[in-house]
Amino acid sequence: MKTEKLPNKEQDFKVWCDYCCIRIAPHEERTDIGEKAYHPKCHSKLEPVSGTKKKVS
């Protein structure tokens, strides 16, 4: 009986950095925030988002 070979999804799965749009290699380190992926250096370049702002009077 023959069995059907399933395609290897890991080879087809490619990830791009949301900051610089360069592909992140499978062996390369990456930072995942939500559904977005970044190189560690690109993630450090992002501006922090603060929930509160101080009012100046």
Protein backbone atom coordinates (compact mmCIF):
# COMPACT_ATOMS: atom_id res chain seq x y z
CA MET A 1 0.00 0.00 0.00
CA LYS A 2 1.42 3.40 -0.98
CA THR A 3 1.32 6.29 1.43
CA GLU A 4 0.96 9.84 0.26
CA LYS A 5 3.86 12.14 1.12
CA LEU A 6 2.88 15.39 2.78
CA PRO A 7 4.83 18.53 1.89
CA ASN A 8 7.22 19.74 4.56
CA LYS A 9 5.65 22.95 5.86
CA GLU A 10 8.81 24.07 7.66
CA GLN A 11 10.68 24.50 4.39
CA ASP A 12 7.87 26.61 2.92
CA PHE A 13 7.46 28.71 6.07
CA LYS A 14 9.33 31.98 5.60
CA VAL A 15 9.36 34.93 7.97
CA TRP A 16 10.14 38.55 7.15
CA CYS A 17 11.04 41.30 9.63
CA ASP A 18 8.22 43.84 9.99
CA TYR A 19 10.74 46.66 10.47
CA CYS A 20 13.30 46.20 7.68
CA CYS A 21 11.38 43.73 5.43
CA ILE A 22 14.41 41.41 5.18
CA ARG A 23 13.83 37.66 5.52
CA ILE A 24 14.71 36.12 8.89
CA ALA A 25 16.60 32.86 8.35
CA PRO A 26 15.33 29.75 10.16
CA HIS A 27 18.53 29.50 12.25
CA GLU A 28 18.62 33.26 12.99
CA GLU A 29 17.47 34.76 16.27
CA ARG A 30 14.15 36.64 16.15
CA THR A 31 11.77 38.50 18.42
CA ASP A 32 8.04 37.79 18.08
CA ILE A 33 5.58 40.40 19.32
CA GLY A 34 1.99 39.34 18.71
CA GLU A 35 1.83 38.27 15.08
CA LYS A 36 4.86 40.34 14.05
CA ALA A 37 8.46 39.15 13.87
CA TYR A 38 11.61 41.28 14.12
CA HIS A 39 15.37 40.89 14.08
CA PRO A 40 16.65 41.67 17.61
CA LYS A 41 18.43 44.81 16.32
CA CYS A 42 15.32 45.99 14.48
CA HIS A 43 13.16 45.45 17.55
CA SER A 44 15.50 47.64 19.61
CA LYS A 45 15.00 50.47 17.06
CA LEU A 46 11.22 50.57 17.58
CA GLU A 47 9.84 53.49 19.56
CA PRO A 48 8.17 52.45 22.80
CA VAL A 49 4.43 52.93 22.91
CA SER A 50 3.29 54.47 26.19
CA GLY A 51 -0.32 54.17 27.31
CA THR A 52 -0.33 57.41 29.30
CA LYS A 53 0.85 60.87 28.41
CA LYS A 54 1.69 63.55 30.91
CA LYS A 55 -0.25 66.77 30.61
CA VAL A 56 1.74 69.98 30.71
CA SER A 57 -0.15 72.86 32.32
